N, C-alpha and C. Protein backbone atom coordinates (compact mmCIF):
# COMPACT_ATOMS: atom_id res chain seq x y z
N MET A 1 179.44 105.92 270.24
CA MET A 1 178.29 107.20 269.82
C MET A 1 177.37 107.13 270.34
N GLU A 2 176.59 108.25 270.99
CA GLU A 2 175.17 108.26 271.82
C GLU A 2 174.36 108.01 270.69
N THR A 3 173.28 107.23 271.19
CA THR A 3 172.03 107.24 270.64
C THR A 3 170.99 108.18 270.94
N ILE A 4 170.21 108.82 270.28
CA ILE A 4 169.17 110.00 270.70
C ILE A 4 167.66 108.91 270.36
N ASP A 5 167.15 109.56 271.76
CA ASP A 5 165.67 108.62 271.42
C ASP A 5 164.79 110.00 271.05
N PHE A 6 164.41 109.69 269.88
CA PHE A 6 163.83 110.67 269.07
C PHE A 6 162.39 110.89 269.77
N SER A 7 161.56 109.93 270.29
CA SER A 7 160.53 109.94 270.76
C SER A 7 160.37 110.89 272.11
N LYS A 8 161.73 111.25 272.69
CA LYS A 8 161.61 112.17 273.94
C LYS A 8 161.88 113.39 272.85
N VAL A 9 162.92 113.87 271.82
CA VAL A 9 163.05 114.96 270.98
C VAL A 9 161.48 115.17 270.52
N GLY A 10 160.55 114.47 270.16
CA GLY A 10 159.50 115.05 269.49
C GLY A 10 158.45 115.27 270.94
N LEU A 11 158.69 114.61 271.74
CA LEU A 11 157.59 115.09 272.94
C LEU A 11 158.34 116.61 273.39
N LYS A 12 159.94 116.84 273.36
CA LYS A 12 159.79 117.87 273.99
C LYS A 12 159.67 119.06 273.17
N MET A 13 159.58 118.88 271.93
CA MET A 13 159.23 119.83 270.86
C MET A 13 158.01 120.22 270.72
N LYS A 14 157.03 119.24 270.99
CA LYS A 14 155.37 119.44 271.14
C LYS A 14 155.28 120.06 272.76
N GLU A 15 155.83 120.05 273.73
CA GLU A 15 155.79 120.60 275.01
C GLU A 15 156.01 121.92 274.81
N LEU A 16 157.17 122.56 274.02
CA LEU A 16 157.52 123.78 273.75
C LEU A 16 156.85 124.45 272.88
N ARG A 17 156.35 123.80 272.09
CA ARG A 17 155.09 124.50 270.74
C ARG A 17 154.13 124.83 271.75
N MET A 18 153.59 123.94 272.23
CA MET A 18 152.43 124.26 272.99
C MET A 18 152.63 125.45 274.10
N GLU A 19 153.82 125.36 274.70
CA GLU A 19 153.91 126.53 275.60
C GLU A 19 153.89 127.81 274.99
N GLN A 20 154.19 127.89 273.73
CA GLN A 20 154.26 128.99 272.76
C GLN A 20 153.07 129.22 272.36
N GLY A 21 152.15 128.59 272.73
CA GLY A 21 150.65 128.50 271.69
C GLY A 21 150.64 128.48 270.64
N ALA A 22 151.72 127.81 269.96
CA ALA A 22 151.48 127.42 268.41
C ALA A 22 150.70 126.20 268.15
N THR A 23 150.05 126.22 267.16
CA THR A 23 149.54 124.93 266.84
C THR A 23 150.12 124.02 265.71
N GLN A 24 149.85 123.05 265.35
CA GLN A 24 150.16 122.31 264.49
C GLN A 24 150.34 122.49 263.14
N GLU A 25 149.13 123.33 263.16
CA GLU A 25 148.29 123.82 261.80
C GLU A 25 149.45 124.92 261.63
N LYS A 26 149.82 125.95 262.54
CA LYS A 26 150.74 127.13 262.15
C LYS A 26 151.87 126.62 261.32
N ILE A 27 152.55 125.69 262.33
CA ILE A 27 153.60 125.06 261.85
C ILE A 27 153.58 124.58 260.61
N ALA A 28 152.91 123.70 260.29
CA ALA A 28 152.55 123.21 259.04
C ALA A 28 152.59 124.34 257.86
N ASP A 29 151.74 125.20 258.00
CA ASP A 29 151.74 126.21 257.08
C ASP A 29 152.87 126.74 256.79
N ALA A 30 153.76 127.05 258.00
CA ALA A 30 154.84 127.93 257.89
C ALA A 30 155.80 127.18 256.89
N LEU A 31 156.09 125.81 257.55
CA LEU A 31 156.97 125.00 256.73
C LEU A 31 156.25 124.28 255.53
N GLU A 32 155.41 124.48 254.76
CA GLU A 32 154.61 124.26 253.80
C GLU A 32 154.53 122.64 253.93
N CYS A 33 154.16 121.82 254.74
CA CYS A 33 153.76 120.62 254.87
C CYS A 33 152.25 120.20 255.64
N THR A 34 151.97 118.93 255.79
CA THR A 34 150.67 118.79 256.22
C THR A 34 150.96 118.89 257.81
N VAL A 35 149.74 118.95 258.59
CA VAL A 35 149.57 118.85 259.77
C VAL A 35 150.05 117.37 260.33
N ALA A 36 149.67 116.36 259.36
CA ALA A 36 149.98 114.96 260.01
C ALA A 36 151.21 114.84 259.99
N PHE A 37 152.03 115.48 259.05
CA PHE A 37 153.77 115.32 259.09
C PHE A 37 154.19 115.68 260.51
N ILE A 38 153.51 117.03 260.87
CA ILE A 38 153.99 117.58 262.06
C ILE A 38 154.30 116.44 263.23
N SER A 39 152.52 116.13 263.00
CA SER A 39 152.07 115.53 264.38
C SER A 39 153.05 114.51 264.32
N ASN A 40 153.20 113.40 263.22
CA ASN A 40 154.18 112.36 263.19
C ASN A 40 155.48 112.64 263.74
N ILE A 41 155.99 113.86 263.37
CA ILE A 41 157.32 114.31 263.98
C ILE A 41 157.27 113.97 265.50
N GLU A 42 156.31 114.69 265.81
CA GLU A 42 156.12 114.99 267.27
C GLU A 42 155.91 113.54 267.96
N ASN A 43 155.50 112.70 267.43
CA ASN A 43 155.43 111.12 267.92
C ASN A 43 156.48 110.37 267.35
N ASN A 44 156.94 110.67 266.98
CA ASN A 44 158.15 109.72 266.58
C ASN A 44 157.86 108.88 265.63
N ARG A 45 156.85 109.29 264.74
CA ARG A 45 156.62 108.23 263.44
C ARG A 45 156.83 108.67 262.30
N ALA A 46 157.76 109.78 262.07
CA ALA A 46 158.26 110.56 261.07
C ALA A 46 159.55 110.64 261.42
N LYS A 47 160.57 110.76 260.14
CA LYS A 47 162.05 111.20 260.80
C LYS A 47 161.95 112.65 260.46
N LEU A 48 162.64 113.37 261.78
CA LEU A 48 162.64 114.81 261.90
C LEU A 48 164.05 115.14 260.87
N ASN A 49 163.60 116.34 260.46
CA ASN A 49 164.84 116.92 259.61
C ASN A 49 165.14 118.13 260.06
N LEU A 50 166.25 118.89 259.79
CA LEU A 50 166.93 120.33 260.01
C LEU A 50 166.22 120.94 259.82
N ARG A 51 165.36 121.17 258.82
CA ARG A 51 164.58 122.34 258.74
C ARG A 51 163.51 122.58 259.84
N VAL A 52 162.96 121.46 260.05
CA VAL A 52 161.77 121.37 260.87
C VAL A 52 162.38 121.54 262.20
N LEU A 53 163.49 121.02 262.79
CA LEU A 53 164.28 121.18 263.98
C LEU A 53 164.63 122.37 264.35
N LEU A 54 165.13 123.22 263.18
CA LEU A 54 165.53 124.61 263.08
C LEU A 54 164.09 125.63 263.42
N TYR A 55 163.19 125.31 262.51
CA TYR A 55 162.19 126.02 262.94
C TYR A 55 161.62 126.18 264.38
N TYR A 56 161.61 124.95 265.07
CA TYR A 56 161.11 124.64 266.09
C TYR A 56 161.91 125.32 267.44
N ALA A 57 163.34 125.32 266.97
CA ALA A 57 164.35 126.16 267.90
C ALA A 57 163.95 127.39 267.86
N ASN A 58 163.48 127.99 266.51
CA ASN A 58 163.45 129.69 266.43
C ASN A 58 162.17 130.05 266.92
N LEU A 59 161.06 129.12 266.90
CA LEU A 59 160.06 129.66 267.25
C LEU A 59 159.69 129.59 269.01
N CYS A 60 160.47 128.79 269.50
CA CYS A 60 160.77 128.44 270.99
C CYS A 60 161.49 129.16 271.77
N ASN A 61 162.38 129.98 270.70
CA ASN A 61 163.70 130.70 271.29
C ASN A 61 164.75 129.87 272.10
N VAL A 62 164.71 128.65 271.43
CA VAL A 62 165.92 127.78 272.40
C VAL A 62 166.75 127.22 271.35
N SER A 63 167.90 126.59 271.76
CA SER A 63 168.90 126.07 270.85
C SER A 63 168.08 124.79 270.33
N VAL A 64 168.77 124.14 269.25
CA VAL A 64 168.39 123.19 269.04
C VAL A 64 168.99 121.95 269.84
N ASP A 65 169.92 122.06 270.63
CA ASP A 65 170.35 121.34 271.31
C ASP A 65 169.23 121.00 273.07
N THR A 66 168.39 122.31 272.79
CA THR A 66 167.00 121.72 273.93
C THR A 66 166.80 120.58 273.54
N PHE A 67 166.25 120.30 272.19
CA PHE A 67 165.59 119.38 271.73
C PHE A 67 166.25 117.92 271.82
N LEU A 68 167.81 118.11 271.28
CA LEU A 68 168.15 116.65 271.25
C LEU A 68 169.13 116.44 272.62
N ASP A 69 168.98 117.02 273.31
CA ASP A 69 169.38 116.78 274.85
C ASP A 69 168.24 116.14 275.69
N ALA A 70 166.82 116.28 275.27
CA ALA A 70 165.49 115.55 275.58
C ALA A 70 165.64 114.13 275.19
N GLY A 71 166.47 114.20 274.08
CA GLY A 71 166.66 112.32 273.99
C GLY A 71 167.79 111.72 274.24
N ARG A 72 169.03 112.46 274.90
CA ARG A 72 170.26 112.04 275.25
C ARG A 72 170.06 111.03 276.83
N PRO A 73 170.40 110.17 276.90
CA PRO A 73 170.66 109.62 278.29
C PRO A 73 171.84 110.27 279.30
N GLY A 74 171.30 110.43 280.35
CA GLY A 74 172.23 111.06 281.40
C GLY A 74 172.93 112.68 280.71
N ALA A 75 171.69 113.56 280.44
CA ALA A 75 172.32 114.87 279.86
C ALA A 75 171.88 115.73 280.68
N SER A 76 171.45 115.53 282.20
CA SER A 76 171.16 116.36 283.02
C SER A 76 171.92 117.60 283.39
N VAL A 77 173.20 117.28 283.54
CA VAL A 77 174.17 118.30 283.79
C VAL A 77 174.13 119.13 282.81
N GLU A 78 173.89 118.47 281.48
CA GLU A 78 174.30 119.62 280.34
C GLU A 78 172.98 120.30 280.14
N LYS A 79 172.05 119.68 280.87
CA LYS A 79 170.51 120.33 280.63
C LYS A 79 170.27 121.33 281.70
N GLU A 80 170.79 121.15 282.77
CA GLU A 80 171.13 122.28 283.50
C GLU A 80 171.81 123.66 283.08
N ALA A 81 172.74 123.23 282.39
CA ALA A 81 173.52 124.24 281.89
C ALA A 81 172.90 125.11 280.89
N ALA A 82 172.29 124.13 280.28
CA ALA A 82 171.15 124.86 279.06
C ALA A 82 170.16 125.62 279.28
N GLN A 83 169.84 125.20 280.51
CA GLN A 83 168.51 125.89 280.96
C GLN A 83 168.88 127.33 281.58
N GLU A 84 169.96 127.07 282.39
CA GLU A 84 170.91 128.50 282.83
C GLU A 84 171.06 129.24 281.64
N ALA A 85 171.43 128.90 280.44
CA ALA A 85 171.85 129.81 279.65
C ALA A 85 170.66 130.09 278.76
N GLU A 86 169.48 129.57 278.92
CA GLU A 86 168.03 130.04 277.89
C GLU A 86 167.62 130.89 279.17
N LEU A 87 167.93 130.75 280.31
CA LEU A 87 166.98 131.70 281.17
C LEU A 87 167.86 133.44 281.23
N LEU A 88 169.27 133.13 281.04
CA LEU A 88 169.92 134.09 280.84
C LEU A 88 169.51 134.91 279.30
N ARG A 89 169.40 133.91 278.18
CA ARG A 89 169.16 134.87 277.12
C ARG A 89 167.77 135.38 277.11
N VAL A 90 166.96 134.54 277.72
CA VAL A 90 165.43 135.36 277.68
C VAL A 90 165.55 136.65 278.94
N PHE A 91 166.01 136.60 279.79
CA PHE A 91 166.54 137.75 280.92
C PHE A 91 166.95 138.98 280.10
N GLN A 92 167.52 138.61 279.35
CA GLN A 92 168.28 139.80 278.67
C GLN A 92 168.02 140.40 277.68
N THR A 93 166.28 140.04 277.14
CA THR A 93 165.72 140.66 276.38
C THR A 93 164.84 141.53 276.99
N PHE A 94 164.74 141.70 278.83
CA PHE A 94 163.77 142.44 279.52
C PHE A 94 164.80 143.59 279.58
N THR A 95 163.71 144.88 279.75
CA THR A 95 164.37 146.26 280.05
C THR A 95 165.30 146.14 281.47
N LEU A 96 165.89 146.93 282.22
CA LEU A 96 166.72 146.61 283.19
C LEU A 96 165.31 147.16 284.48
N GLU A 97 164.32 148.09 284.32
CA GLU A 97 163.39 148.06 284.90
C GLU A 97 162.58 146.52 285.31
N GLU A 98 162.08 146.14 284.13
CA GLU A 98 161.60 144.39 284.09
C GLU A 98 162.68 143.58 284.94
N ARG A 99 163.80 143.76 284.64
CA ARG A 99 164.71 142.79 285.18
C ARG A 99 164.74 142.73 286.95
N ASP A 100 164.63 144.06 287.24
CA ASP A 100 164.71 144.09 288.73
C ASP A 100 163.28 143.54 289.51
N LYS A 101 162.22 143.97 288.61
CA LYS A 101 160.98 143.39 289.10
C LYS A 101 161.03 141.80 288.81
N ILE A 102 161.49 141.30 287.91
CA ILE A 102 161.63 139.61 287.92
C ILE A 102 162.46 139.35 289.10
N ILE A 103 163.46 140.03 289.39
CA ILE A 103 164.41 139.52 290.29
C ILE A 103 163.53 139.50 291.58
N LYS A 104 162.96 140.56 291.88
CA LYS A 104 161.98 140.76 293.28
C LYS A 104 161.12 139.69 293.22
N ILE A 105 160.47 139.20 291.89
CA ILE A 105 159.79 138.12 292.11
C ILE A 105 160.08 136.78 292.44
N MET A 106 161.24 136.28 291.88
CA MET A 106 162.12 135.65 291.85
C MET A 106 162.42 135.13 293.30
N LYS A 107 162.72 136.55 294.22
CA LYS A 107 163.23 136.15 295.33
C LYS A 107 162.07 135.86 296.11
N LEU A 108 160.80 136.54 296.04
CA LEU A 108 159.81 136.18 296.96
C LEU A 108 158.89 134.79 296.57
N TRP A 109 159.48 134.52 295.65
CA TRP A 109 158.78 132.95 295.14
C TRP A 109 159.61 132.06 295.90
N LYS A 110 161.04 132.17 296.52
CA LYS A 110 161.68 131.11 296.79
C LYS A 110 161.71 131.57 298.18
N LYS A 111 161.19 132.49 298.92
CA LYS A 111 161.16 132.82 300.21
C LYS A 111 159.61 132.34 300.66
N THR A 112 158.59 132.14 299.84
CA THR A 112 157.41 131.38 300.06
C THR A 112 157.40 129.85 299.74
N GLU A 113 158.57 129.48 299.21
CA GLU A 113 158.47 128.16 299.08
C GLU A 113 159.27 127.37 300.26
N ALA A 114 160.04 128.21 301.07
CA ALA A 114 160.68 127.59 302.43
C ALA A 114 159.89 127.63 303.59
């Protein structure tokens, strides 16, 4: 059975939380716990529970696997598939007009990198 490095899981939770602009205070309020508890989870000083994991997944609009895969060795192929699925999931939230613009921007971005 594979082991999960929960320090990496916590770091991923913190990274995605910050990308969403959410504070530990906001999460603590929503989960009715202390800021210290949230900090301890993100820094692998407290055990992660399913309730917190699900809250973070919903907050960050990702699957639970996004966090757990961060702590699994050799999950790069699975990570790529998860990223593609996440990209598609987010992309589908845009209107057709917005999608066209996003595609044009992505193509321009790749041209400037070449």
